[in-house]
Amino acid sequence: MNNQKGFSIVEAITSIFVFSIVALIVSGLLVQAMNVERRAFSAQAIQENVLAVLEIMAKEIRVSTISDQNNNCTTDPILSALNIAHPIEGAVTYGLNNGVVERINGGITHTLSSDDVIFNSLRFCISGSTTPSDNRSARVTVLLSISNKKGRETLTTNVHTTITSRDIVDELRN
């Protein structure tokens, strides 16, 4: 009679309870890891867009003459569009239209940002000289705010960088 084999009902319920707790913890960790991954993808999309847009603008600003006048960047309104005179392309304007960064040249509008993000603001501060007579380069500070469009959580990043316009002809002479 004492030769019984198997689990008692108490042992079975206890093992199911312990397994349920372990499964709940593991599934919680998995959900948290997926949320972190989504957040990382959103941050990566923001970073890639900011770098691409700033690189395009910086290349043209460096070799162009700034058409806009100086502003001291401490008073409103800070410029919401930048007008430059490119040596080859001619008049180029950078601006923001419904969350999309645009480059306008010769009446043709090119979209610079992707559909994955939205630019909340794009502002330009110009300091230094915009006239070549004093031999000082103009500096354009780009201030922008960008957010992701996808995902449950909205990430917003604020970025600013300064680009110096330079005259390549003068650099080649020296």
C-alpha atoms as a PDB file:
ATOM      1  CA  MET A   1       0.000   0.000   0.000  1.00  0.00           C
ATOM      2  CA  ASN A   2       2.866   2.422   0.555  1.00  0.00           C
ATOM      3  CA  ASN A   3       4.123   1.805  -2.953  1.00  0.00           C
ATOM      4  CA  GLN A   4       2.379   4.820  -4.569  1.00  0.00           C
ATOM      5  CA  LYS A   5       4.050   6.547  -7.529  1.00  0.00           C
ATOM      6  CA  GLY A   6       3.417   9.942  -9.177  1.00  0.00           C
ATOM      7  CA  PHE A   7       2.675  13.487  -8.034  1.00  0.00           C
ATOM      8  CA  SER A   8       0.155  14.526  -5.489  1.00  0.00           C
ATOM      9  CA  ILE A   9      -2.348  17.236  -6.393  1.00  0.00           C
ATOM     10  CA  VAL A  10      -0.520  19.721  -4.143  1.00  0.00           C
ATOM     11  CA  GLU A  11       2.767  19.069  -5.914  1.00  0.00           C
ATOM     12  CA  ALA A  12       1.151  19.503  -9.324  1.00  0.00           C
ATOM     13  CA  ILE A  13      -0.531  22.785  -8.355  1.00  0.00           C
ATOM     14  CA  THR A  14       2.708  24.094  -6.828  1.00  0.00           C
ATOM     15  CA  SER A  15       4.724  23.300  -9.965  1.00  0.00           C
ATOM     16  CA  ILE A  16       2.074  24.927 -12.208  1.00  0.00           C
ATOM     17  CA  PHE A  17       2.124  28.034  -9.990  1.00  0.00           C
ATOM     18  CA  VAL A  18       5.934  28.296 -10.118  1.00  0.00           C
ATOM     19  CA  PHE A  19       5.950  27.738 -13.902  1.00  0.00           C
ATOM     20  CA  SER A  20       3.288  30.465 -14.334  1.00  0.00           C
ATOM     21  CA  ILE A  21       5.348  32.982 -12.369  1.00  0.00           C
ATOM     22  CA  VAL A  22       8.485  32.203 -14.399  1.00  0.00           C
ATOM     23  CA  ALA A  23       6.521  32.453 -17.687  1.00  0.00           C
ATOM     24  CA  LEU A  24       5.016  35.787 -16.601  1.00  0.00           C
ATOM     25  CA  ILE A  25       8.459  37.215 -15.785  1.00  0.00           C
ATOM     26  CA  VAL A  26       9.958  35.990 -19.067  1.00  0.00           C
ATOM     27  CA  SER A  27       7.075  37.371 -21.152  1.00  0.00           C
ATOM     28  CA  GLY A  28       7.345  40.732 -19.349  1.00  0.00           C
ATOM     29  CA  LEU A  29      11.048  40.882 -20.160  1.00  0.00           C
ATOM     30  CA  LEU A  30      10.326  40.008 -23.787  1.00  0.00           C
ATOM     31  CA  VAL A  31       7.735  42.779 -24.112  1.00  0.00           C
ATOM     32  CA  GLN A  32      10.140  45.268 -22.520  1.00  0.00           C
ATOM     33  CA  ALA A  33      12.930  44.210 -24.895  1.00  0.00           C
ATOM     34  CA  MET A  34      10.619  44.705 -27.893  1.00  0.00           C
ATOM     35  CA  ASN A  35       9.705  48.205 -26.673  1.00  0.00           C
ATOM     36  CA  VAL A  36      13.375  49.102 -26.295  1.00  0.00           C
ATOM     37  CA  GLU A  37      14.046  47.784 -29.804  1.00  0.00           C
ATOM     38  CA  ARG A  38      11.212  49.906 -31.280  1.00  0.00           C
ATOM     39  CA  ARG A  39      12.531  52.957 -29.472  1.00  0.00           C
ATOM     40  CA  ALA A  40      16.024  52.276 -30.835  1.00  0.00           C
ATOM     41  CA  PHE A  41      14.658  51.988 -34.396  1.00  0.00           C
ATOM     42  CA  SER A  42      12.842  55.308 -33.989  1.00  0.00           C
ATOM     43  CA  ALA A  43      15.992  56.981 -32.662  1.00  0.00           C
ATOM     44  CA  GLN A  44      17.982  55.535 -35.555  1.00  0.00           C
ATOM     45  CA  ALA A  45      15.479  56.870 -38.112  1.00  0.00           C
ATOM     46  CA  ILE A  46      15.688  60.320 -36.525  1.00  0.00           C
ATOM     47  CA  GLN A  47      19.485  60.271 -36.505  1.00  0.00           C
ATOM     48  CA  GLU A  48      19.764  59.101 -40.118  1.00  0.00           C
ATOM     49  CA  ASN A  49      17.365  61.798 -41.328  1.00  0.00           C
ATOM     50  CA  VAL A  50      19.078  64.574 -39.402  1.00  0.00           C
ATOM     51  CA  LEU A  51      22.499  63.554 -40.707  1.00  0.00           C
ATOM     52  CA  ALA A  52      21.293  63.272 -44.303  1.00  0.00           C
ATOM     53  CA  VAL A  53      19.491  66.627 -44.314  1.00  0.00           C
ATOM     54  CA  LEU A  54      22.318  68.484 -42.562  1.00  0.00           C
ATOM     55  CA  GLU A  55      24.935  66.962 -44.874  1.00  0.00           C
ATOM     56  CA  ILE A  56      23.068  68.101 -47.987  1.00  0.00           C
ATOM     57  CA  MET A  57      22.624  71.613 -46.611  1.00  0.00           C
ATOM     58  CA  ALA A  58      26.186  71.863 -45.281  1.00  0.00           C
ATOM     59  CA  LYS A  59      27.764  70.943 -48.620  1.00  0.00           C
ATOM     60  CA  GLU A  60      25.931  73.755 -50.387  1.00  0.00           C
ATOM     61  CA  ILE A  61      26.246  76.342 -47.614  1.00  0.00           C
ATOM     62  CA  ARG A  62      30.030  75.905 -47.448  1.00  0.00           C
ATOM     63  CA  VAL A  63      30.531  76.874 -51.076  1.00  0.00           C
ATOM     64  CA  SER A  64      27.742  79.447 -51.385  1.00  0.00           C
ATOM     65  CA  THR A  65      27.192  83.066 -50.575  1.00  0.00           C
ATOM     66  CA  ILE A  66      24.538  83.673 -47.950  1.00  0.00           C
ATOM     67  CA  SER A  67      21.803  85.851 -49.450  1.00  0.00           C
ATOM     68  CA  ASP A  68      20.046  86.611 -46.152  1.00  0.00           C
ATOM     69  CA  GLN A  69      21.147  89.452 -43.897  1.00  0.00           C
ATOM     70  CA  ASN A  70      22.836  89.032 -40.544  1.00  0.00           C
ATOM     71  CA  ASN A  71      20.613  88.468 -37.573  1.00  0.00           C
ATOM     72  CA  ASN A  72      21.874  88.235 -34.035  1.00  0.00           C
ATOM     73  CA  CYS A  73      19.930  85.030 -33.311  1.00  0.00           C
ATOM     74  CA  THR A  74      18.593  86.413 -30.047  1.00  0.00           C
ATOM     75  CA  THR A  75      15.548  88.234 -31.370  1.00  0.00           C
ATOM     76  CA  ASP A  76      12.483  86.853 -33.040  1.00  0.00           C
ATOM     77  CA  PRO A  77      11.795  86.013 -35.683  1.00  0.00           C
ATOM     78  CA  ILE A  78      14.710  83.713 -36.348  1.00  0.00           C
ATOM     79  CA  LEU A  79      14.783  82.890 -40.049  1.00  0.00           C
ATOM     80  CA  SER A  80      12.532  80.004 -41.034  1.00  0.00           C
ATOM     81  CA  ALA A  81      14.054  79.756 -44.519  1.00  0.00           C
ATOM     82  CA  LEU A  82      17.610  80.122 -45.765  1.00  0.00           C
ATOM     83  CA  ASN A  83      18.448  81.694 -49.112  1.00  0.00           C
ATOM     84  CA  ILE A  84      21.876  81.052 -50.580  1.00  0.00           C
ATOM     85  CA  ALA A  85      23.565  81.833 -53.884  1.00  0.00           C
ATOM     86  CA  HIS A  86      25.269  78.638 -55.029  1.00  0.00           C
ATOM     87  CA  PRO A  87      28.097  79.168 -57.559  1.00  0.00           C
ATOM     88  CA  ILE A  88      26.698  76.538 -59.948  1.00  0.00           C
ATOM     89  CA  GLU A  89      23.050  75.971 -58.972  1.00  0.00           C
ATOM     90  CA  GLY A  90      22.164  79.646 -58.519  1.00  0.00           C
ATOM     91  CA  ALA A  91      19.556  80.700 -55.962  1.00  0.00           C
ATOM     92  CA  VAL A  92      18.707  77.923 -53.501  1.00  0.00           C
ATOM     93  CA  THR A  93      16.216  78.101 -50.635  1.00  0.00           C
ATOM     94  CA  TYR A  94      15.924  75.683 -47.736  1.00  0.00           C
ATOM     95  CA  GLY A  95      12.759  75.642 -45.687  1.00  0.00           C
ATOM     96  CA  LEU A  96      10.152  73.604 -43.863  1.00  0.00           C
ATOM     97  CA  ASN A  97       6.758  72.752 -45.339  1.00  0.00           C
ATOM     98  CA  ASN A  98       4.284  70.682 -43.270  1.00  0.00           C
ATOM     99  CA  GLY A  99       7.027  68.849 -41.390  1.00  0.00           C
ATOM    100  CA  VAL A 100       9.119  68.156 -44.492  1.00  0.00           C
ATOM    101  CA  VAL A 101      12.456  69.832 -45.258  1.00  0.00           C
ATOM    102  CA  GLU A 102      12.507  71.177 -48.802  1.00  0.00           C
ATOM    103  CA  ARG A 103      15.170  72.514 -51.150  1.00  0.00           C
ATOM    104  CA  ILE A 104      13.882  74.901 -53.807  1.00  0.00           C
ATOM    105  CA  ASN A 105      16.034  75.674 -56.824  1.00  0.00           C
ATOM    106  CA  GLY A 106      14.800  77.232 -60.047  1.00  0.00           C
ATOM    107  CA  GLY A 107      11.178  76.703 -59.068  1.00  0.00           C
ATOM    108  CA  ILE A 108      11.730  72.981 -58.539  1.00  0.00           C
ATOM    109  CA  THR A 109      11.086  71.649 -55.036  1.00  0.00           C
ATOM    110  CA  HIS A 110      13.028  68.643 -53.738  1.00  0.00           C
ATOM    111  CA  THR A 111      12.050  66.869 -50.529  1.00  0.00           C
ATOM    112  CA  LEU A 112      15.100  66.177 -48.356  1.00  0.00           C
ATOM    113  CA  SER A 113      13.548  64.351 -45.399  1.00  0.00           C
ATOM    114  CA  SER A 114      11.915  60.923 -45.391  1.00  0.00           C
ATOM    115  CA  ASP A 115       8.391  59.854 -44.499  1.00  0.00           C
ATOM    116  CA  ASP A 116       9.566  58.127 -41.289  1.00  0.00           C
ATOM    117  CA  VAL A 117      10.027  61.385 -39.384  1.00  0.00           C
ATOM    118  CA  ILE A 118       8.492  64.813 -39.041  1.00  0.00           C
ATOM    119  CA  PHE A 119      10.500  67.997 -38.632  1.00  0.00           C
ATOM    120  CA  ASN A 120       8.758  70.073 -35.972  1.00  0.00           C
ATOM    121  CA  SER A 121      10.846  73.183 -36.571  1.00  0.00           C
ATOM    122  CA  LEU A 122      13.723  74.365 -38.755  1.00  0.00           C
ATOM    123  CA  ARG A 123      15.348  77.722 -38.052  1.00  0.00           C
ATOM    124  CA  PHE A 124      18.463  79.474 -39.284  1.00  0.00           C
ATOM    125  CA  CYS A 125      20.633  82.034 -37.479  1.00  0.00           C
ATOM    126  CA  ILE A 126      23.173  83.909 -39.570  1.00  0.00           C
ATOM    127  CA  SER A 127      26.138  85.535 -37.887  1.00  0.00           C
ATOM    128  CA  GLY A 128      29.325  87.031 -39.177  1.00  0.00           C
ATOM    129  CA  SER A 129      29.465  89.023 -42.314  1.00  0.00           C
ATOM    130  CA  THR A 130      27.417  88.368 -45.399  1.00  0.00           C
ATOM    131  CA  THR A 131      29.438  90.867 -47.400  1.00  0.00           C
ATOM    132  CA  PRO A 132      32.792  89.752 -48.806  1.00  0.00           C
ATOM    133  CA  SER A 133      34.474  93.150 -48.237  1.00  0.00           C
ATOM    134  CA  ASP A 134      35.538  92.493 -44.631  1.00  0.00           C
ATOM    135  CA  ASN A 135      37.093  89.033 -45.356  1.00  0.00           C
ATOM    136  CA  ARG A 136      35.019  87.283 -42.677  1.00  0.00           C
ATOM    137  CA  SER A 137      32.980  84.193 -43.446  1.00  0.00           C
ATOM    138  CA  ALA A 138      29.302  84.003 -42.678  1.00  0.00           C
ATOM    139  CA  ARG A 139      28.215  81.342 -40.215  1.00  0.00           C
ATOM    140  CA  VAL A 140      24.822  79.681 -40.439  1.00  0.00           C
ATOM    141  CA  THR A 141      23.504  77.989 -37.319  1.00  0.00           C
ATOM    142  CA  VAL A 142      20.809  75.443 -38.093  1.00  0.00           C
ATOM    143  CA  LEU A 143      18.338  74.762 -35.269  1.00  0.00           C
ATOM    144  CA  LEU A 144      15.907  71.919 -35.742  1.00  0.00           C
ATOM    145  CA  SER A 145      13.505  69.700 -33.867  1.00  0.00           C
ATOM    146  CA  ILE A 146      12.572  66.288 -35.268  1.00  0.00           C
ATOM    147  CA  SER A 147      10.199  63.526 -34.134  1.00  0.00           C
ATOM    148  CA  ASN A 148       9.410  60.004 -35.261  1.00  0.00           C
ATOM    149  CA  LYS A 149       6.096  59.206 -36.956  1.00  0.00           C
ATOM    150  CA  LYS A 150       5.993  55.493 -36.219  1.00  0.00           C
ATOM    151  CA  GLY A 151       5.665  53.697 -32.917  1.00  0.00           C
ATOM    152  CA  ARG A 152       3.624  54.148 -29.765  1.00  0.00           C
ATOM    153  CA  GLU A 153       6.105  56.449 -28.122  1.00  0.00           C
ATOM    154  CA  THR A 154       7.029  59.763 -29.716  1.00  0.00           C
ATOM    155  CA  LEU A 155      10.715  60.624 -29.567  1.00  0.00           C
ATOM    156  CA  THR A 156      11.738  64.232 -30.155  1.00  0.00           C
ATOM    157  CA  THR A 157      15.313  65.325 -30.734  1.00  0.00           C
ATOM    158  CA  ASN A 158      16.578  68.901 -30.843  1.00  0.00           C
ATOM    159  CA  VAL A 159      19.726  69.508 -32.868  1.00  0.00           C
ATOM    160  CA  HIS A 160      21.818  72.518 -33.728  1.00  0.00           C
ATOM    161  CA  THR A 161      24.979  72.872 -35.743  1.00  0.00           C
ATOM    162  CA  THR A 162      26.940  75.740 -37.221  1.00  0.00           C
ATOM    163  CA  ILE A 163      28.233  75.755 -40.801  1.00  0.00           C
ATOM    164  CA  THR A 164      30.760  78.264 -42.076  1.00  0.00           C
ATOM    165  CA  SER A 165      30.449  79.559 -45.585  1.00  0.00           C
ATOM    166  CA  ARG A 166      33.814  79.795 -47.293  1.00  0.00           C
ATOM    167  CA  ASP A 167      35.103  81.108 -50.567  1.00  0.00           C
ATOM    168  CA  ILE A 168      36.989  78.278 -52.251  1.00  0.00           C
ATOM    169  CA  VAL A 169      38.602  80.634 -54.757  1.00  0.00           C
ATOM    170  CA  ASP A 170      40.371  82.512 -51.929  1.00  0.00           C
ATOM    171  CA  GLU A 171      41.441  79.241 -50.319  1.00  0.00           C
ATOM    172  CA  LEU A 172      42.976  77.995 -53.574  1.00  0.00           C
ATOM    173  CA  ARG A 173      44.954  81.237 -54.031  1.00  0.00           C
ATOM    174  CA  ASN A 174      46.568  81.029 -50.584  1.00  0.00           C
END
